[in-house]
């Protein structure tokens, strides 16, 4: 049988680094998952395209884990990010590189990523966008958990206190201890009601706890960008 002709697909560059003399090793996000590919002549026109937040159409060649980039073209208007919006975009990219398995299709993650970049470029509030992306990523990877019921299937009580059991869900507790969440915060998160007092800060803590185990104890470099003056 003749070899199948590679088909182009939408893609974004997550990360790129120099490879050999004039090539680059590039991590792409596509609807078919995270793909790593060698980009030849990266110092020419192709290199100017292969940068983060630019919607691309890329033709990948090869059957192994390391592909080769064939045709690559712009596929829309790049998201122009500045300041904390730029840091947020880099954070999303690092999160995807660390959590998304290679060549594991997640088209919903790709679509949400593209929508989040546009929202960041439009100047929408950062925290709700980041929390929403983290939550949807965890859920799509099979690591999600309910916010309106506990791990026993009981409704979250507004006046209750809960801790996260990462592999199971939220567990009600009756003694104060570090890292707890109150029921009103959790119920607000379930409705994405970010106007509720404490909901956004609680969501940030919750997502950090939920992500930590899947990051293997290695901190995200991009988080440090938010701490620099």
Protein backbone atom coordinates (compact mmCIF):
# COMPACT_ATOMS: atom_id res chain seq x y z
CA UNK A 1 0.00 0.00 0.00
CA UNK A 2 1.30 3.50 -0.76
CA UNK A 3 2.08 5.64 2.31
CA UNK A 4 -0.77 7.84 3.44
CA UNK A 5 -0.41 11.50 2.56
CA UNK A 6 0.08 13.62 5.70
CA UNK A 7 -2.77 16.02 6.37
CA UNK A 8 -2.40 19.50 7.78
CA UNK A 9 -4.02 20.32 11.09
CA UNK A 10 -4.45 23.40 13.27
CA UNK A 11 -1.67 23.89 15.80
CA UNK A 12 -0.04 26.25 18.28
CA UNK A 13 3.59 26.31 19.37
CA UNK A 14 3.95 25.57 23.07
CA UNK A 15 7.75 25.65 23.24
CA UNK A 16 10.71 25.76 20.88
CA UNK A 17 14.42 25.28 21.36
CA UNK A 18 17.46 25.14 19.08
CA UNK A 19 18.24 21.73 17.65
CA UNK A 20 21.43 20.88 15.78
CA UNK A 21 22.82 23.55 13.46
CA UNK A 22 19.82 25.35 12.03
CA UNK A 23 16.77 23.41 13.20
CA UNK A 24 14.44 23.70 16.17
CA UNK A 25 12.75 21.12 18.35
CA UNK A 26 9.17 22.30 18.76
CA UNK A 27 6.33 21.17 21.01
CA UNK A 28 2.99 21.78 19.29
CA UNK A 29 -0.55 21.66 20.63
CA UNK A 30 -2.98 20.20 18.09
CA UNK A 31 -6.47 18.66 18.34
CA UNK A 32 -4.63 15.31 18.12
CA UNK A 33 -2.66 16.12 21.25
CA UNK A 34 0.81 17.39 22.02
CA UNK A 35 3.25 16.63 19.22
CA UNK A 36 7.01 17.12 19.15
CA UNK A 37 8.58 17.80 15.78
CA UNK A 38 11.80 18.96 14.16
CA UNK A 39 11.50 22.21 12.24
CA UNK A 40 14.17 22.57 9.58
CA UNK A 41 15.66 25.95 8.65
CA UNK A 42 14.25 27.46 11.84
CA UNK A 43 16.27 30.65 11.34
CA UNK A 44 14.35 31.54 8.21
CA UNK A 45 10.72 32.34 7.53
CA UNK A 46 9.54 29.18 9.32
CA UNK A 47 11.22 30.33 12.51
CA UNK A 48 9.31 33.60 12.52
CA UNK A 49 6.04 31.65 12.34
CA UNK A 50 6.99 29.08 14.96
CA UNK A 51 6.37 31.21 18.01
CA UNK A 52 3.76 30.96 20.76
CA UNK A 53 0.17 32.21 20.41
CA UNK A 54 0.16 32.17 16.58
CA UNK A 55 -2.59 29.98 15.08
CA UNK A 56 -0.95 27.70 12.53
CA UNK A 57 -1.79 25.01 10.03
CA UNK A 58 0.95 22.39 10.14
CA UNK A 59 1.63 19.24 8.18
CA UNK A 60 3.48 16.66 10.27
CA UNK A 61 5.48 13.86 8.69
CA UNK A 62 6.71 10.62 10.25
CA UNK A 63 5.20 7.89 12.38
CA UNK A 64 7.53 7.95 15.38
CA UNK A 65 7.16 10.12 18.47
CA UNK A 66 9.48 12.72 16.94
CA UNK A 67 7.84 14.10 13.80
CA UNK A 68 9.13 16.40 11.09
CA UNK A 69 7.37 19.60 10.15
CA UNK A 70 6.40 19.66 6.50
CA UNK A 71 4.25 22.56 5.37
CA UNK A 72 3.52 25.24 7.99
CA UNK A 73 1.38 28.33 7.44
CA UNK A 74 -0.35 30.99 9.47
CA UNK A 75 -3.99 30.12 10.14
CA UNK A 76 -5.42 33.32 11.60
CA UNK A 77 -4.51 36.35 13.66
CA UNK A 78 -1.96 35.91 16.45
CA UNK A 79 -3.03 36.65 20.01
CA UNK A 80 -1.05 39.72 21.07
CA UNK A 81 -0.31 39.32 24.78
CA UNK A 82 1.44 41.78 27.10
CA UNK A 83 2.36 41.91 30.77
CA UNK A 84 0.45 39.51 32.98
CA UNK A 85 -1.61 38.29 30.03
CA UNK A 86 1.68 37.17 28.42
CA UNK A 87 2.76 35.47 31.66
CA UNK A 88 -0.63 33.75 31.76
CA UNK A 89 -0.20 32.47 28.22
CA UNK A 90 3.25 31.09 29.06
CA UNK A 91 1.75 29.45 32.14
CA UNK A 92 -0.88 27.70 30.01
CA UNK A 93 1.83 26.49 27.64
CA UNK A 94 3.97 25.07 30.44
CA UNK A 95 0.95 23.42 32.03
CA UNK A 96 0.12 21.67 28.75
CA UNK A 97 3.71 20.51 28.20
CA UNK A 98 3.84 19.08 31.72
CA UNK A 99 0.39 17.47 31.89
CA UNK A 100 -0.73 16.57 28.38
CA UNK A 101 0.52 13.15 27.26
CA UNK A 102 2.22 13.05 23.87
CA UNK A 103 -0.03 12.11 20.94
CA UNK A 104 -3.12 11.76 23.13
CA UNK A 105 -6.01 13.51 21.32
CA UNK A 106 -7.86 16.16 23.34
CA UNK A 107 -9.72 18.37 20.82
CA UNK A 108 -11.73 20.08 23.59
CA UNK A 109 -8.49 21.18 25.28
CA UNK A 110 -7.26 22.61 21.97
CA UNK A 111 -10.50 24.56 21.46
CA UNK A 112 -10.51 25.90 25.02
CA UNK A 113 -6.85 26.92 24.73
CA UNK A 114 -7.57 28.89 21.54
CA UNK A 115 -10.58 30.59 23.16
CA UNK A 116 -8.57 31.42 26.29
CA UNK A 117 -5.80 33.06 24.23
CA UNK A 118 -8.37 35.28 22.52
CA UNK A 119 -9.91 36.21 25.86
CA UNK A 120 -6.46 37.07 27.28
CA UNK A 121 -5.71 39.24 24.23
CA UNK A 122 -9.04 41.04 24.74
CA UNK A 123 -7.97 41.99 28.27
CA UNK A 124 -10.57 39.96 30.14
CA UNK A 125 -9.87 39.30 33.86
CA UNK A 126 -7.04 36.81 34.19
CA UNK A 127 -7.97 34.79 37.27
CA UNK A 128 -11.34 33.42 36.07
CA UNK A 129 -9.77 32.49 32.72
CA UNK A 130 -6.88 30.63 34.35
CA UNK A 131 -9.08 28.80 36.85
CA UNK A 132 -11.47 27.76 34.11
CA UNK A 133 -8.65 26.46 31.94
CA UNK A 134 -7.03 24.52 34.81
CA UNK A 135 -10.37 22.96 35.73
CA UNK A 136 -11.27 21.94 32.18
CA UNK A 137 -7.79 20.54 31.57
CA UNK A 138 -7.95 18.37 34.69
CA UNK A 139 -11.46 17.24 33.82
CA UNK A 140 -10.57 16.36 30.22
CA UNK A 141 -7.55 14.36 31.39
CA UNK A 142 -9.77 12.36 33.74
CA UNK A 143 -8.60 14.05 36.94
CA UNK A 144 -11.73 16.12 37.58
CA UNK A 145 -14.04 15.91 40.59
CA UNK A 146 -17.42 17.29 41.59
CA UNK A 147 -17.69 20.70 43.25
CA UNK A 148 -21.32 20.40 44.37
CA UNK A 149 -21.15 16.92 45.92
CA UNK A 150 -18.58 15.28 48.16
CA UNK A 151 -16.74 12.01 47.53
CA UNK A 152 -19.69 10.08 49.03
CA UNK A 153 -22.16 11.74 46.64
CA UNK A 154 -23.66 13.96 49.35
CA UNK A 155 -24.50 17.58 48.45
CA UNK A 156 -21.91 20.15 49.54
CA UNK A 157 -23.24 21.93 52.64
CA UNK A 158 -22.89 25.71 52.53
CA UNK A 159 -21.80 25.77 56.18
CA UNK A 160 -19.48 22.73 55.85
CA UNK A 161 -15.71 22.46 55.72
CA UNK A 162 -14.00 20.28 53.13
CA UNK A 163 -10.58 19.03 52.16
CA UNK A 164 -9.51 17.73 48.77
CA UNK A 165 -8.61 14.08 48.41
CA UNK A 166 -6.95 14.39 45.01
CA UNK A 167 -7.73 10.87 43.82
CA UNK A 168 -11.33 10.86 45.09
CA UNK A 169 -12.88 14.31 45.55
CA UNK A 170 -13.98 16.59 48.37
CA UNK A 171 -14.32 15.17 51.87
CA UNK A 172 -16.21 16.88 54.68
CA UNK A 173 -14.21 17.38 57.88
CA UNK A 174 -15.21 18.64 61.30
CA UNK A 175 -11.93 19.88 62.76
CA UNK A 176 -10.05 22.97 61.57
CA UNK A 177 -6.84 22.20 59.71
CA UNK A 178 -4.73 23.91 57.02
CA UNK A 179 -5.89 23.94 53.42
CA UNK A 180 -9.64 23.57 53.94
CA UNK A 181 -12.45 25.00 51.79
CA UNK A 182 -15.81 26.18 53.02
CA UNK A 183 -18.99 25.05 51.36
CA UNK A 184 -20.08 28.47 50.16
CA UNK A 185 -16.80 28.87 48.23
CA UNK A 186 -17.16 25.45 46.62
CA UNK A 187 -20.77 26.07 45.61
CA UNK A 188 -19.78 29.42 44.08
CA UNK A 189 -17.02 27.67 42.11
CA UNK A 190 -19.51 25.08 40.87
CA UNK A 191 -21.57 27.93 39.40
CA UNK A 192 -18.50 29.90 38.25
CA UNK A 193 -19.81 32.76 40.39
CA UNK A 194 -16.59 34.73 40.76
CA UNK A 195 -18.38 37.66 42.37
CA UNK A 196 -18.91 35.56 45.54
CA UNK A 197 -16.53 36.62 48.35
CA UNK A 198 -13.46 34.41 48.50
CA UNK A 199 -14.42 32.26 45.51
CA UNK A 200 -11.49 33.22 43.26
CA UNK A 201 -8.81 32.90 45.93
CA UNK A 202 -10.28 29.57 47.07
CA UNK A 203 -10.35 28.35 43.46
CA UNK A 204 -6.67 29.22 43.08
CA UNK A 205 -5.81 27.21 46.21
CA UNK A 206 -7.97 24.31 45.10
CA UNK A 207 -6.43 24.13 41.65
CA UNK A 208 -2.91 24.28 43.09
CA UNK A 209 -3.72 21.34 45.35
CA UNK A 210 -5.33 19.42 42.47
CA UNK A 211 -2.47 20.10 40.06
CA UNK A 212 0.41 19.49 42.46
CA UNK A 213 0.23 15.69 42.47
CA UNK A 214 0.13 15.56 38.66
CA UNK A 215 3.13 17.89 38.37
CA UNK A 216 5.26 15.44 40.33
CA UNK A 217 6.47 17.96 42.88
CA UNK A 218 8.37 20.04 40.30
CA UNK A 219 7.35 23.71 40.39
CA UNK A 220 6.16 25.52 37.28
CA UNK A 221 8.79 28.01 36.10
CA UNK A 222 6.16 30.34 34.62
CA UNK A 223 4.55 30.92 38.02
CA UNK A 224 7.69 32.79 39.06
CA UNK A 225 7.03 35.42 36.40
CA UNK A 226 4.03 36.70 38.38
CA UNK A 227 6.23 37.27 41.45
CA UNK A 228 8.82 39.47 39.74
CA UNK A 229 8.48 43.25 40.23
